[in-house]
Amino acid sequence: MKPHLIIFAILIAGFIFYNFFFKIEDDKTNTVVNIMYASVLFGYISFMAFSLLKKMKK
């Protein structure tokens, strides 16, 4: 489970880093990029929960 948490921390740091330093000037495009990145983050959270439940079942 530890590698999953490290990858998740890197994804969170990338999201924060993007929003502070690499923001796209066009508001619509920036919103789309933020929504896509947030979707990846929530998808990874669900993957971590699924793998944890799978390990607990064994």
Protein backbone atom coordinates (compact mmCIF):
# COMPACT_ATOMS: atom_id res chain seq x y z
CA MET A 1 0.00 0.00 0.00
CA LYS A 2 2.94 2.31 0.58
CA PRO A 3 3.85 2.68 -3.13
CA HIS A 4 0.24 3.66 -3.85
CA LEU A 5 0.41 6.43 -1.25
CA ILE A 6 3.71 7.70 -2.64
CA ILE A 7 2.28 7.86 -6.16
CA PHE A 8 -0.83 9.61 -4.83
CA ALA A 9 1.32 12.16 -2.99
CA ILE A 10 3.26 12.83 -6.20
CA LEU A 11 -0.02 13.32 -8.10
CA ILE A 12 -1.28 15.77 -5.44
CA ALA A 13 2.03 17.66 -5.51
CA GLY A 14 1.82 17.83 -9.31
CA PHE A 15 -1.71 19.21 -9.11
CA ILE A 16 -0.67 21.92 -6.65
CA PHE A 17 2.50 22.68 -8.63
CA TYR A 18 0.49 23.03 -11.84
CA ASN A 19 -2.05 25.39 -10.29
CA PHE A 20 0.62 27.65 -8.80
CA PHE A 21 3.21 27.77 -11.58
CA PHE A 22 1.90 26.42 -14.91
CA LYS A 23 -1.61 27.82 -15.04
CA ILE A 24 -2.91 28.19 -18.60
CA GLU A 25 -3.98 31.74 -19.43
CA ASP A 26 -7.26 30.73 -21.08
CA ASP A 27 -9.79 30.19 -18.28
CA LYS A 28 -11.85 27.58 -20.13
CA THR A 29 -8.83 25.47 -21.03
CA ASN A 30 -7.45 25.80 -17.50
CA THR A 31 -10.77 24.63 -16.07
CA VAL A 32 -10.81 21.62 -18.40
CA VAL A 33 -7.25 20.69 -17.38
CA ASN A 34 -8.12 21.03 -13.68
CA ILE A 35 -11.22 18.87 -14.09
CA MET A 36 -9.26 16.19 -15.97
CA TYR A 37 -6.47 16.17 -13.37
CA ALA A 38 -9.01 16.00 -10.53
CA SER A 39 -10.73 13.10 -12.31
CA VAL A 40 -7.43 11.22 -12.45
CA LEU A 41 -6.90 11.88 -8.72
CA PHE A 42 -10.36 10.60 -7.79
CA GLY A 43 -9.90 7.61 -10.07
CA TYR A 44 -6.64 6.78 -8.33
CA ILE A 45 -8.34 7.08 -4.93
CA SER A 46 -10.96 4.58 -6.07
CA PHE A 47 -8.23 2.25 -7.39
CA MET A 48 -6.45 2.41 -4.00
CA ALA A 49 -9.71 1.66 -2.17
CA PHE A 50 -10.47 -1.26 -4.50
CA SER A 51 -7.01 -2.77 -4.03
CA LEU A 52 -7.24 -2.35 -0.26
CA LEU A 53 -10.61 -4.09 -0.17
CA LYS A 54 -9.24 -6.86 -2.38
CA LYS A 55 -6.29 -7.37 0.02
CA MET A 56 -8.61 -7.40 3.03
CA LYS A 57 -10.78 -10.08 1.42
CA LYS A 58 -7.84 -12.49 1.10
